[in-house]
Amino acid sequence: MSSQKSQDKLIKKLAFAGLMAALCYAGYAFIPPLPIPGLFDLTSGTKVHFGNAFVVLGALFLGGPYGGLAGAVGLSLADILTGYGASAPRTFICKLLIGLIVGLVAHRLAEISKSHDKGYLTKWAIISSVSGLAFNVIFEPTLKYIWFSLITPNADKAQSAIKTLVSITIATSFVNAIINSIVAVVAYLALRPVLYKTGLLGELPSKRQKQA
């Protein structure tokens, strides 16, 4: 019976990861990017898209490895199927790391899969989301620079990556991360009770189990 329960739990987790991968894809490919006059120019690629919010959401629900892989697969496919296949390997690495960092903070440090009050969950959902997306603000252009300097040399693209890295303190990079963090946290807090109640995320330990 225990083996059967473990197998059922794994199947549910894999199915949920597949759903999150699809949502990551849809968040980038189908939800229109958000233009903000004065901050974002859609023609230059500086835009708010919601793919990262689903990467974070997946990691909050499933943990770092499953959530990160769901985001990496979903957004890499989005790159490939929307004509940006060359960037898919970098996307895979960046999204996997976002998920791993969010999952590390949320599940290893805060243990949000256990029973907690809403204030505790809100605080750690915010901290986890910001940790993963703030890391990405710095890591993504850094990886892009390394990629175009060493792996597939392209001086113009490497220079563009350096320009982005140097200017990470401007509003465009952080507004994107903040908006995706807000979307992920709001969605997590709204969906968490429902998903646990229906058993899709397993069972919350009782307070007695938590204290044991």
Protein backbone atom coordinates (compact mmCIF):
# COMPACT_ATOMS: atom_id res chain seq x y z
CA MET A 1 0.00 0.00 0.00
CA SER A 2 2.81 2.34 0.86
CA SER A 3 4.46 1.60 -2.48
CA GLN A 4 1.17 2.26 -4.28
CA LYS A 5 0.73 5.57 -2.48
CA SER A 6 4.27 6.60 -3.41
CA GLN A 7 3.61 5.70 -7.04
CA ASP A 8 0.33 7.63 -7.07
CA LYS A 9 2.07 10.63 -5.52
CA LEU A 10 4.80 10.53 -8.18
CA ILE A 11 2.25 10.31 -10.99
CA LYS A 12 0.35 13.30 -9.59
CA LYS A 13 3.58 15.26 -9.27
CA LEU A 14 4.65 14.47 -12.83
CA ALA A 15 1.20 15.40 -14.15
CA PHE A 16 1.29 18.66 -12.21
CA ALA A 17 4.79 19.38 -13.54
CA GLY A 18 3.51 18.80 -17.07
CA LEU A 19 0.67 21.23 -16.43
CA MET A 20 3.09 23.86 -15.11
CA ALA A 21 5.33 23.39 -18.17
CA ALA A 22 2.29 24.05 -20.38
CA LEU A 23 1.41 27.15 -18.35
CA CYS A 24 4.98 28.43 -18.64
CA TYR A 25 4.74 28.01 -22.40
CA ALA A 26 1.35 29.72 -22.54
CA GLY A 27 2.53 32.51 -20.24
CA TYR A 28 5.17 33.44 -22.78
CA ALA A 29 3.69 32.45 -26.13
CA PHE A 30 0.01 33.36 -25.76
CA ILE A 31 -0.44 35.93 -23.00
CA PRO A 32 0.33 39.31 -24.60
CA PRO A 33 3.42 41.03 -23.18
CA LEU A 34 2.70 44.00 -20.95
CA PRO A 35 3.91 47.32 -22.36
CA ILE A 36 4.73 50.07 -19.88
CA PRO A 37 5.23 53.45 -21.58
CA GLY A 38 8.56 54.97 -20.73
CA LEU A 39 10.01 51.72 -19.40
CA PHE A 40 9.46 48.99 -21.97
CA ASP A 41 9.77 49.02 -25.74
CA LEU A 42 8.28 45.89 -27.31
CA THR A 43 10.32 46.33 -30.49
CA SER A 44 13.61 46.08 -28.59
CA GLY A 45 12.64 43.02 -26.58
CA THR A 46 12.33 44.81 -23.24
CA LYS A 47 8.91 43.70 -22.13
CA VAL A 48 7.04 42.10 -19.28
CA HIS A 49 5.99 38.54 -20.04
CA PHE A 50 4.50 36.15 -17.51
CA GLY A 51 6.45 32.96 -18.20
CA ASN A 52 8.69 33.49 -15.18
CA ALA A 53 5.68 33.81 -12.89
CA PHE A 54 4.70 30.24 -13.75
CA VAL A 55 8.27 29.02 -13.20
CA VAL A 56 8.11 30.47 -9.69
CA LEU A 57 4.60 29.12 -9.13
CA GLY A 58 5.70 25.64 -10.15
CA ALA A 59 8.61 25.73 -7.72
CA LEU A 60 6.38 26.96 -4.89
CA PHE A 61 3.98 24.08 -5.43
CA LEU A 62 6.31 21.27 -6.52
CA GLY A 63 9.73 22.15 -5.14
CA GLY A 64 12.86 23.22 -6.97
CA PRO A 65 13.70 20.22 -9.19
CA TYR A 66 10.19 19.58 -10.54
CA GLY A 67 9.23 23.26 -10.71
CA GLY A 68 12.53 24.27 -12.28
CA LEU A 69 12.38 21.51 -14.90
CA ALA A 70 8.77 22.38 -15.71
CA GLY A 71 9.76 26.00 -16.30
CA ALA A 72 12.89 25.06 -18.22
CA VAL A 73 11.02 22.71 -20.56
CA GLY A 74 8.00 24.97 -21.06
CA LEU A 75 9.91 28.15 -21.81
CA SER A 76 12.57 26.41 -23.90
CA LEU A 77 9.75 25.02 -26.07
CA ALA A 78 8.29 28.52 -26.24
CA ASP A 79 11.62 29.81 -27.61
CA ILE A 80 11.84 26.99 -30.16
CA LEU A 81 8.24 27.28 -31.37
CA THR A 82 8.21 31.09 -31.58
CA GLY A 83 11.36 31.38 -33.66
CA TYR A 84 14.02 31.88 -30.96
CA GLY A 85 15.46 28.36 -30.92
CA ALA A 86 19.04 29.62 -30.59
CA SER A 87 18.25 31.01 -27.13
CA ALA A 88 16.54 27.82 -25.89
CA PRO A 89 19.67 26.33 -24.20
CA ARG A 90 20.24 29.53 -22.21
CA THR A 91 16.54 29.69 -21.35
CA PHE A 92 16.64 26.11 -20.08
CA ILE A 93 19.58 26.87 -17.77
CA CYS A 94 18.14 30.16 -16.45
CA LYS A 95 14.64 28.83 -15.74
CA LEU A 96 15.95 25.66 -14.11
CA LEU A 97 18.07 27.77 -11.76
CA ILE A 98 15.15 30.10 -10.94
CA GLY A 99 13.11 27.07 -9.93
CA LEU A 100 15.91 25.52 -7.88
CA ILE A 101 16.50 28.75 -5.95
CA VAL A 102 12.80 29.36 -5.30
CA GLY A 103 12.37 25.75 -4.22
CA LEU A 104 15.43 25.86 -1.97
CA VAL A 105 14.16 28.91 -0.09
CA ALA A 106 10.50 27.89 -0.01
CA HIS A 107 10.80 24.20 0.82
CA ARG A 108 14.20 23.68 2.42
CA LEU A 109 14.36 26.85 4.50
CA ALA A 110 10.71 27.74 5.07
CA GLU A 111 9.06 24.31 4.63
CA ILE A 112 5.96 25.88 3.12
CA SER A 113 4.49 22.48 2.26
CA LYS A 114 3.70 22.07 5.96
CA SER A 115 0.80 23.67 7.80
CA HIS A 116 1.41 27.40 8.43
CA ASP A 117 -0.68 30.52 8.89
CA LYS A 118 -1.31 32.78 5.91
CA GLY A 119 1.08 35.48 7.13
CA TYR A 120 3.98 33.03 7.27
CA LEU A 121 3.15 31.64 3.83
CA THR A 122 2.83 35.12 2.33
CA LYS A 123 6.18 36.23 3.74
CA TRP A 124 8.09 33.20 2.51
CA ALA A 125 6.35 33.08 -0.85
CA ILE A 126 7.49 36.66 -1.42
CA ILE A 127 11.04 35.97 -0.20
CA SER A 128 11.30 32.83 -2.35
CA SER A 129 9.95 34.51 -5.48
CA VAL A 130 12.16 37.57 -5.14
CA SER A 131 15.22 35.41 -4.48
CA GLY A 132 14.79 33.43 -7.68
CA LEU A 133 13.87 36.34 -9.94
CA ALA A 134 16.48 38.73 -8.51
CA PHE A 135 19.12 36.08 -9.18
CA ASN A 136 17.85 35.84 -12.76
CA VAL A 137 18.17 39.61 -13.29
CA ILE A 138 21.93 39.26 -12.83
CA PHE A 139 22.53 35.72 -14.08
CA GLU A 140 20.69 35.88 -17.41
CA PRO A 141 22.77 38.68 -18.99
CA THR A 142 25.92 37.21 -17.43
CA LEU A 143 25.22 33.85 -19.05
CA LYS A 144 24.41 35.58 -22.32
CA TYR A 145 27.75 37.39 -22.25
CA ILE A 146 29.66 34.17 -21.52
CA TRP A 147 27.68 32.37 -24.22
CA PHE A 148 28.46 34.89 -26.95
CA SER A 149 32.03 35.40 -25.81
CA LEU A 150 33.12 31.76 -25.45
CA ILE A 151 30.57 29.23 -26.72
CA THR A 152 29.19 30.87 -29.87
CA PRO A 153 31.34 34.01 -30.27
CA ASN A 154 29.43 37.09 -31.40
CA ALA A 155 30.99 40.42 -30.43
CA ASP A 156 27.84 42.50 -30.99
CA LYS A 157 25.64 40.25 -28.88
CA ALA A 158 28.29 39.96 -26.18
CA GLN A 159 28.49 43.76 -26.03
CA SER A 160 24.71 43.98 -25.81
CA ALA A 161 24.74 41.51 -22.91
CA ILE A 162 27.36 43.57 -21.08
CA LYS A 163 25.27 46.69 -21.61
CA THR A 164 22.29 44.89 -20.06
CA LEU A 165 24.39 43.63 -17.16
CA VAL A 166 25.78 47.08 -16.42
CA SER A 167 22.31 48.61 -16.50
CA ILE A 168 20.56 46.07 -14.28
CA THR A 169 19.83 48.79 -11.74
CA ILE A 170 17.44 50.56 -14.12
CA ALA A 171 13.73 50.03 -13.72
CA THR A 172 13.18 47.72 -16.70
CA SER A 173 14.94 44.69 -15.21
CA PHE A 174 13.42 45.01 -11.77
CA VAL A 175 9.87 45.89 -12.81
CA ASN A 176 9.75 42.64 -14.80
CA ALA A 177 10.90 40.64 -11.77
CA ILE A 178 8.56 42.45 -9.38
CA ILE A 179 5.48 41.99 -11.56
CA ASN A 180 6.19 38.28 -12.04
CA SER A 181 6.79 37.89 -8.29
CA ILE A 182 3.45 39.51 -7.48
CA VAL A 183 1.58 37.33 -9.98
CA ALA A 184 3.23 34.16 -8.65
CA VAL A 185 2.62 34.95 -4.98
CA VAL A 186 -1.03 35.96 -5.49
CA ALA A 187 -1.70 32.83 -7.56
CA TYR A 188 0.06 30.60 -5.02
CA LEU A 189 -1.89 31.94 -2.04
CA ALA A 190 -5.18 31.66 -3.93
CA LEU A 191 -4.62 28.14 -5.27
CA ARG A 192 -2.80 26.49 -2.37
CA PRO A 193 -5.88 25.76 -0.18
CA VAL A 194 -7.81 24.37 -3.14
CA LEU A 195 -5.00 22.11 -4.34
CA TYR A 196 -4.37 20.68 -0.90
CA LYS A 197 -8.11 20.21 -0.30
CA THR A 198 -8.46 18.22 -3.53
CA GLY A 199 -5.38 16.15 -2.70
CA LEU A 200 -3.37 17.23 -5.75
CA LEU A 201 -0.50 18.33 -3.50
CA GLY A 202 -0.82 15.46 -1.06
CA GLU A 203 -1.87 16.07 2.53
CA LEU A 204 -0.78 18.81 4.92
CA PRO A 205 0.75 17.33 8.08
CA SER A 206 -1.32 17.88 11.17
CA LYS A 207 -0.05 20.21 13.86
CA ARG A 208 0.79 17.16 15.98
CA GLN A 209 2.87 15.69 13.14
CA LYS A 210 4.52 19.04 12.57
CA GLN A 211 5.60 19.30 16.18
CA ALA A 212 6.81 15.68 16.37
